[in-house]
């Protein structure tokens, strides 16, 4: 008895044009699904770029905080009150604002994300920033994210050529003393980092008593959940206290639930599944229709419906796997183009690729199950 897998492969390769069309359809569905998931992953990963760099066990925020690209502020005194709780080792205020940045080459003004942190506190996890701790303490000294959008000017090239770049922020002269590499997000096109004192010099409309975020470090062995519970019970209600992971969850929750972006990308994945199922169903249905007499003959020879259904499922599996490979290869190229154009973290990752492969196989198997209804109509009495 010939195996179901071998028979399925022989039937698929018999009509090469139909096979190519089927693989193109499956590959298109893979591209559609993977691109949607890739953009959604890039959204979530990019929004966490800044929070992940902040060294903290507990984070203090304004009660109405939604996302870092919409800074909200709370009284700085609340952060220092946190020093009175057991287990707290240090606190660091973080200042944030969307500030005007002058392109040093063209003079055009564009909004950029400005972050102010005490450089001595070692609260920003980046080796380039740590290496420029002394320089950031000088008046009007800033560091520029080399992965910022090119619309802010050729700052990395100018810095590499001359060693420093002078421009304006909020109508105040600033000097770029170093570069760091972090990247953009769906809400942040570029980032400038400076000391807390320089931040207050640049963002003169903000008071030093208004803090955008508070970083709280705990002593070894302290339980973050317990400390958070104690702070929530005793601090005023003009702040919210969360763990470092809780702060990341707030960011993802905002973009996935409070904006239509998460729904749009998820809907795109569903549409990719539907399109792929329709294409694979049409291919399998046409193949079964063309070989209906052969299937009826096999039934007359004693082959069961289970065996014949296995042939159709194997055809669907071959189409899914063979169409997945070129689809992912094309996605890798498209991700590279999107990454270079948007500076978003997009790449083909093994875990996500495995999930897309599973979705592709489910899509093909679902089409096969629907197409099998035609297979049941194969009656040996119609042949003999």
Protein backbone atom coordinates (compact mmCIF):
# COMPACT_ATOMS: atom_id res chain seq x y z
CA UNK A 1 0.00 0.00 0.00
CA UNK A 2 1.39 3.38 -0.97
CA UNK A 3 1.62 5.78 1.91
CA UNK A 4 -0.76 8.73 2.12
CA UNK A 5 2.16 11.17 2.20
CA UNK A 6 3.71 9.80 -1.01
CA UNK A 7 0.39 9.75 -2.85
CA UNK A 8 -0.32 13.32 -1.74
CA UNK A 9 3.06 14.53 -3.01
CA UNK A 10 2.66 12.73 -6.35
CA UNK A 11 -0.72 14.38 -6.88
CA UNK A 12 0.56 17.84 -5.99
CA UNK A 13 3.58 17.77 -8.28
CA UNK A 14 1.60 16.28 -11.20
CA UNK A 15 0.17 19.71 -12.04
CA UNK A 16 3.07 22.08 -11.50
CA UNK A 17 1.25 25.27 -12.43
CA UNK A 18 -1.48 24.59 -9.88
CA UNK A 19 1.19 23.76 -7.29
CA UNK A 20 2.99 27.06 -7.91
CA UNK A 21 -0.27 28.97 -7.62
CA UNK A 22 -1.09 27.19 -4.37
CA UNK A 23 2.33 27.91 -2.90
CA UNK A 24 2.04 31.56 -3.95
CA UNK A 25 -1.34 31.77 -2.20
CA UNK A 26 -0.03 30.20 1.00
CA UNK A 27 3.07 32.41 0.88
CA UNK A 28 0.90 35.51 0.48
CA UNK A 29 -1.15 34.52 3.54
CA UNK A 30 2.07 33.94 5.51
CA UNK A 31 3.37 37.37 4.53
CA UNK A 32 0.11 39.03 5.49
CA UNK A 33 -0.06 37.33 8.89
CA UNK A 34 3.62 37.71 9.71
CA UNK A 35 3.74 41.39 8.70
CA UNK A 36 0.76 42.16 10.92
CA UNK A 37 2.29 40.30 13.86
CA UNK A 38 5.66 41.88 13.14
CA UNK A 39 4.28 45.40 13.26
CA UNK A 40 2.36 44.61 16.45
CA UNK A 41 5.48 43.17 18.09
CA UNK A 42 7.45 46.20 16.97
CA UNK A 43 4.80 48.42 18.53
CA UNK A 44 4.99 46.69 21.89
CA UNK A 45 8.78 46.31 21.89
CA UNK A 46 9.41 49.90 20.87
CA UNK A 47 7.09 51.35 23.51
CA UNK A 48 9.10 49.52 26.15
CA UNK A 49 12.47 50.74 24.87
CA UNK A 50 12.78 53.60 27.36
CA UNK A 51 11.13 51.89 30.38
CA UNK A 52 13.39 48.85 30.02
CA UNK A 53 16.48 51.06 30.23
CA UNK A 54 15.42 52.55 33.56
CA UNK A 55 16.93 50.78 36.55
CA UNK A 56 14.27 50.39 39.20
CA UNK A 57 12.48 47.80 41.30
CA UNK A 58 9.45 50.02 41.88
CA UNK A 59 8.17 52.93 39.78
CA UNK A 60 6.13 55.90 40.98
CA UNK A 61 3.77 57.53 38.48
CA UNK A 62 0.89 59.95 38.22
CA UNK A 63 -2.50 58.22 38.79
CA UNK A 64 -3.60 59.06 35.24
CA UNK A 65 -0.42 57.84 33.59
CA UNK A 66 -1.10 56.06 30.30
CA UNK A 67 2.10 55.98 28.27
CA UNK A 68 5.55 57.51 28.41
CA UNK A 69 4.94 59.53 25.26
CA UNK A 70 2.26 61.48 27.14
CA UNK A 71 4.15 62.70 30.22
CA UNK A 72 2.20 63.31 33.40
CA UNK A 73 3.65 64.74 36.59
CA UNK A 74 3.33 64.21 40.34
CA UNK A 75 4.83 66.06 43.34
CA UNK A 76 8.50 65.22 43.86
CA UNK A 77 7.96 65.14 47.63
CA UNK A 78 6.08 61.84 47.26
CA UNK A 79 9.21 60.24 45.89
CA UNK A 80 11.29 61.32 48.86
CA UNK A 81 8.57 60.16 51.22
CA UNK A 82 9.19 56.69 49.79
CA UNK A 83 12.61 56.71 51.46
CA UNK A 84 10.84 56.21 54.78
CA UNK A 85 9.52 52.77 53.86
CA UNK A 86 11.33 49.62 54.89
CA UNK A 87 13.43 48.08 52.16
CA UNK A 88 13.90 51.25 50.09
CA UNK A 89 17.55 51.92 49.25
CA UNK A 90 17.37 54.94 46.93
CA UNK A 91 15.03 57.07 44.83
CA UNK A 92 15.71 58.91 41.59
CA UNK A 93 13.41 61.45 39.94
CA UNK A 94 13.02 61.26 36.16
CA UNK A 95 11.94 64.31 34.18
CA UNK A 96 10.25 63.96 30.78
CA UNK A 97 8.87 66.32 28.19
CA UNK A 98 8.23 66.63 24.47
CA UNK A 99 10.59 69.47 23.55
CA UNK A 100 11.37 71.43 20.41
CA UNK A 101 14.60 70.37 18.67
CA UNK A 102 16.31 72.42 15.98
CA UNK A 103 17.79 70.49 13.08
CA UNK A 104 21.46 71.61 13.10
CA UNK A 105 21.67 71.26 9.31
CA UNK A 106 18.42 72.86 8.11
CA UNK A 107 17.20 74.86 11.10
CA UNK A 108 13.79 73.16 11.05
CA UNK A 109 12.06 72.64 14.41
CA UNK A 110 10.65 69.24 15.35
CA UNK A 111 9.35 67.73 18.59
CA UNK A 112 11.68 65.27 20.30
CA UNK A 113 11.49 63.31 23.55
CA UNK A 114 13.69 64.84 26.26
CA UNK A 115 14.67 62.76 29.28
CA UNK A 116 16.37 64.20 32.38
CA UNK A 117 18.04 61.96 35.00
CA UNK A 118 20.71 62.57 37.60
CA UNK A 119 23.80 61.07 35.90
CA UNK A 120 25.37 60.14 39.22
CA UNK A 121 22.39 57.94 40.14
CA UNK A 122 23.29 55.37 37.45
CA UNK A 123 19.59 54.96 36.73
CA UNK A 124 19.81 54.57 32.94
CA UNK A 125 21.04 51.19 31.76
CA UNK A 126 23.28 52.09 28.84
CA UNK A 127 27.09 51.80 28.67
CA UNK A 128 27.41 54.86 26.41
CA UNK A 129 25.47 57.00 28.88
CA UNK A 130 27.51 55.67 31.80
CA UNK A 131 30.70 56.60 29.96
CA UNK A 132 29.55 60.23 29.64
CA UNK A 133 28.50 60.80 33.23
CA UNK A 134 31.04 63.59 33.75
CA UNK A 135 30.23 65.39 30.48
CA UNK A 136 26.48 65.39 31.20
CA UNK A 137 27.12 67.39 34.35
CA UNK A 138 28.36 70.36 32.32
CA UNK A 139 25.79 73.09 31.59
CA UNK A 140 23.63 72.50 28.48
CA UNK A 141 25.28 69.16 27.69
CA UNK A 142 23.04 66.48 26.16
CA UNK A 143 23.34 63.03 24.59
CA UNK A 144 21.56 62.16 21.36
CA UNK A 145 20.01 58.84 20.36
CA UNK A 146 21.87 57.84 17.20
CA UNK A 147 18.86 55.76 16.12
CA UNK A 148 16.53 58.76 16.05
CA UNK A 149 14.68 59.61 12.87
CA UNK A 150 16.81 61.33 10.19
CA UNK A 151 14.40 64.30 10.17
CA UNK A 152 16.16 65.58 13.30
CA UNK A 153 19.31 66.10 11.28
CA UNK A 154 22.58 64.27 10.58
CA UNK A 155 23.61 64.51 14.21
CA UNK A 156 25.55 61.20 14.38
CA UNK A 157 27.54 62.06 11.23
CA UNK A 158 28.27 65.60 12.43
CA UNK A 159 29.31 64.32 15.85
CA UNK A 160 31.61 61.66 14.41
CA UNK A 161 33.17 64.25 12.12
CA UNK A 162 33.62 67.10 14.60
CA UNK A 163 33.37 65.59 18.06
CA UNK A 164 30.41 67.75 19.16
CA UNK A 165 27.25 69.30 17.75
CA UNK A 166 25.65 72.56 18.85
CA UNK A 167 21.98 73.24 18.27
CA UNK A 168 18.88 74.52 20.10
CA UNK A 169 16.27 72.95 22.34
CA UNK A 170 13.33 75.02 23.51
CA UNK A 171 15.21 78.10 22.21
CA UNK A 172 18.26 77.35 24.35
CA UNK A 173 21.67 76.41 23.00
CA UNK A 174 22.68 72.85 23.80
CA UNK A 175 25.77 70.83 22.95
CA UNK A 176 25.73 67.13 22.04
CA UNK A 177 28.58 65.54 24.01
CA UNK A 178 27.87 61.92 23.17
CA UNK A 179 25.69 59.40 21.34
CA UNK A 180 23.74 56.45 22.65
CA UNK A 181 21.69 53.89 20.74
CA UNK A 182 18.14 53.10 21.75
CA UNK A 183 15.67 53.45 18.86
CA UNK A 184 12.30 54.93 18.01
CA UNK A 185 8.75 53.83 18.78
CA UNK A 186 5.25 54.50 17.47
CA UNK A 187 5.13 57.59 19.69
CA UNK A 188 8.77 58.69 19.93
CA UNK A 189 10.71 59.64 16.82
CA UNK A 190 13.87 60.63 18.65
CA UNK A 191 15.31 60.92 22.15
CA UNK A 192 17.69 63.30 23.87
CA UNK A 193 19.04 62.53 27.33
CA UNK A 194 20.55 65.00 29.76
CA UNK A 195 21.08 65.58 33.47
CA UNK A 196 18.23 66.63 35.72
CA UNK A 197 19.71 70.11 36.16
CA UNK A 198 20.16 70.63 32.42
CA UNK A 199 16.63 69.38 31.87
CA UNK A 200 15.28 72.12 34.12
CA UNK A 201 17.39 74.70 32.28
CA UNK A 202 16.01 73.57 28.92
CA UNK A 203 12.38 72.93 29.93
CA UNK A 204 11.96 76.16 31.82
CA UNK A 205 8.15 75.89 31.85
CA UNK A 206 8.35 72.89 34.16
CA UNK A 207 9.01 73.10 37.87
CA UNK A 208 11.59 70.88 39.53
CA UNK A 209 8.84 69.87 41.95
CA UNK A 210 6.94 68.12 39.14
CA UNK A 211 8.38 64.69 38.39
CA UNK A 212 7.38 62.54 35.42
CA UNK A 213 8.51 59.24 36.91
CA UNK A 214 10.15 58.07 40.12
CA UNK A 215 12.62 55.20 40.18
CA UNK A 216 12.84 53.33 43.49
CA UNK A 217 15.63 50.85 44.19
CA UNK A 218 15.23 48.32 47.00
CA UNK A 219 17.73 46.78 49.35
CA UNK A 220 18.74 43.16 48.66
CA UNK A 221 16.10 40.76 49.91
CA UNK A 222 13.26 43.28 50.00
CA UNK A 223 9.96 42.12 48.50
CA UNK A 224 8.77 44.59 45.81
CA UNK A 225 5.12 43.54 46.10
CA UNK A 226 5.14 44.09 49.84
CA UNK A 227 6.78 47.50 49.56
CA UNK A 228 4.32 48.53 46.83
CA UNK A 229 1.38 47.50 49.01
CA UNK A 230 2.74 49.54 51.94
CA UNK A 231 3.25 52.62 49.77
CA UNK A 232 -0.22 52.37 48.29
CA UNK A 233 -1.70 52.20 51.77
CA UNK A 234 0.16 55.20 53.22
CA UNK A 235 0.99 57.62 50.40
CA UNK A 236 -1.43 60.23 49.10
CA UNK A 237 -3.68 59.34 46.18
CA UNK A 238 -1.95 61.80 43.84
CA UNK A 239 0.53 59.06 42.88
CA UNK A 240 0.35 55.42 41.84
CA UNK A 241 3.02 52.91 42.74
CA UNK A 242 3.74 49.84 40.62
CA UNK A 243 6.53 47.32 40.22
CA UNK A 244 8.92 47.64 37.30
CA UNK A 245 7.03 44.89 35.48
CA UNK A 246 3.75 46.57 36.32
CA UNK A 247 4.97 49.70 34.58
CA UNK A 248 5.75 47.69 31.43
CA UNK A 249 2.29 46.14 31.62
CA UNK A 250 0.72 49.61 31.75
CA UNK A 251 2.47 50.55 28.52
CA UNK A 252 1.41 47.40 26.65
CA UNK A 253 -2.13 47.58 28.02
CA UNK A 254 -2.52 51.15 26.76
CA UNK A 255 -1.43 50.40 23.20
CA UNK A 256 -3.27 47.07 22.96
CA UNK A 257 -6.58 48.07 24.55
CA UNK A 258 -6.92 51.85 24.66
CA UNK A 259 -5.93 52.44 21.05
CA UNK A 260 -7.24 50.85 17.84
CA UNK A 261 -3.74 49.77 16.81
CA UNK A 262 -3.77 46.44 18.64
CA UNK A 263 -7.18 45.55 17.20
CA UNK A 264 -6.16 46.53 13.67
CA UNK A 265 -3.10 44.29 13.68
CA UNK A 266 -5.05 41.40 15.18
CA UNK A 267 -7.77 41.84 12.57
CA UNK A 268 -5.10 41.77 9.87
CA UNK A 269 -3.93 38.36 11.11
CA UNK A 270 -7.49 37.03 10.97
CA UNK A 271 -7.89 38.36 7.42
CA UNK A 272 -4.67 36.62 6.43
CA UNK A 273 -6.03 33.35 7.78
CA UNK A 274 -9.31 33.77 5.91
CA UNK A 275 -7.60 34.64 2.62
CA UNK A 276 -5.23 31.70 2.95
CA UNK A 277 -8.04 29.28 3.79
CA UNK A 278 -10.00 30.35 0.72
CA UNK A 279 -7.00 29.91 -1.58
CA UNK A 280 -5.99 26.52 -0.16
CA UNK A 281 -9.61 25.32 -0.19
CA UNK A 282 -9.99 26.19 -3.85
CA UNK A 283 -6.79 24.35 -4.73
CA UNK A 284 -7.71 21.23 -2.75
CA UNK A 285 -11.30 21.25 -3.98
CA UNK A 286 -10.14 21.45 -7.59
CA UNK A 287 -7.63 18.65 -7.01
CA UNK A 288 -10.26 16.40 -5.46
CA UNK A 289 -12.70 17.14 -8.27
CA UNK A 290 -10.10 16.28 -10.91
CA UNK A 291 -9.23 12.99 -9.20
CA UNK A 292 -12.70 12.02 -8.00
CA UNK A 293 -12.75 8.89 -10.17
CA UNK A 294 -9.34 7.86 -8.91
CA UNK A 295 -10.52 8.28 -5.30
CA UNK A 296 -13.61 6.20 -6.11
CA UNK A 297 -11.36 3.51 -7.60
CA UNK A 298 -9.25 3.47 -4.45
CA UNK A 299 -12.43 3.03 -2.40
CA UNK A 300 -13.40 0.08 -4.60
CA UNK A 301 -9.96 -1.44 -3.97
CA UNK A 302 -10.57 -1.31 -0.24
CA UNK A 303 -9.00 1.99 0.78
CA UNK A 304 -10.97 3.62 3.57
CA UNK A 305 -12.30 7.14 3.84
CA UNK A 306 -9.79 7.67 6.64
CA UNK A 307 -6.91 6.88 4.31
CA UNK A 308 -8.23 9.19 1.60
CA UNK A 309 -8.79 11.96 4.14
CA UNK A 310 -5.19 11.45 5.22
CA UNK A 311 -4.09 12.06 1.63
CA UNK A 312 -5.92 15.38 1.56
CA UNK A 313 -4.49 16.39 4.95
CA UNK A 314 -0.98 15.53 3.78
CA UNK A 315 -1.51 17.67 0.67
CA UNK A 316 -2.57 20.53 2.92
CA UNK A 317 0.48 19.99 5.16
CA UNK A 318 2.86 20.01 2.19
CA UNK A 319 1.29 23.22 0.90
CA UNK A 320 1.53 24.85 4.32
CA UNK A 321 5.19 24.00 4.91
CA UNK A 322 6.33 24.63 1.34
CA UNK A 323 4.48 27.96 1.18
CA UNK A 324 5.73 29.02 4.60
CA UNK A 325 9.42 28.97 3.66
CA UNK A 326 9.34 31.55 0.83
CA UNK A 327 6.79 33.60 2.76
CA UNK A 328 9.11 33.95 5.74
CA UNK A 329 12.06 34.69 3.47
CA UNK A 330 10.15 37.55 1.89
CA UNK A 331 9.07 38.78 5.34
CA UNK A 332 12.70 38.90 6.46
CA UNK A 333 13.48 41.20 3.55
CA UNK A 334 10.41 43.36 4.17
CA UNK A 335 11.27 43.61 7.87
CA UNK A 336 14.76 44.81 6.96
CA UNK A 337 13.31 47.50 4.69
CA UNK A 338 10.79 48.57 7.34
CA UNK A 339 13.50 48.65 10.01
CA UNK A 340 15.75 50.88 7.93
CA UNK A 341 12.85 53.21 7.07
CA UNK A 342 11.21 53.46 10.51
CA UNK A 343 13.98 52.47 12.97
CA UNK A 344 11.48 50.09 14.59
CA UNK A 345 12.73 46.77 16.03
CA UNK A 346 11.48 44.38 13.35
CA UNK A 347 13.08 41.00 12.65
CA UNK A 348 12.18 37.37 12.02
CA UNK A 349 12.42 35.63 15.39
CA UNK A 350 12.27 31.84 15.90
CA UNK A 351 9.42 31.93 18.42
CA UNK A 352 7.21 34.15 16.29
CA UNK A 353 8.12 32.19 13.15
CA UNK A 354 7.01 28.98 14.88
CA UNK A 355 3.70 30.59 15.78
CA UNK A 356 3.15 31.71 12.20
CA UNK A 357 4.00 28.20 10.96
CA UNK A 358 1.42 26.78 13.37
CA UNK A 359 -1.18 29.29 12.12
CA UNK A 360 -0.33 28.37 8.53
CA UNK A 361 -0.80 24.65 9.18
CA UNK A 362 -4.07 25.27 11.01
CA UNK A 363 -5.19 27.37 8.05
CA UNK A 364 -4.35 24.60 5.57
CA UNK A 365 -5.85 21.85 7.71
CA UNK A 366 -9.06 23.84 8.09
CA UNK A 367 -9.28 24.17 4.33
CA UNK A 368 -8.66 20.43 3.96
CA UNK A 369 -11.46 19.56 6.37
CA UNK A 370 -13.89 21.67 4.36
CA UNK A 371 -12.69 20.23 1.05
CA UNK A 372 -13.15 16.68 2.35
CA UNK A 373 -16.91 17.04 1.93
CA UNK A 374 -16.32 16.66 -1.78
CA UNK A 375 -14.20 13.56 -1.15
CA UNK A 376 -17.13 11.77 0.50
CA UNK A 377 -19.05 11.97 -2.77
CA UNK A 378 -16.53 9.65 -4.45
CA UNK A 379 -18.71 6.55 -5.06
CA UNK A 380 -17.32 3.42 -6.75
CA UNK A 381 -20.76 2.83 -8.30
CA UNK A 382 -20.21 5.95 -10.42
CA UNK A 383 -17.11 4.43 -11.95
CA UNK A 384 -18.14 0.79 -12.50
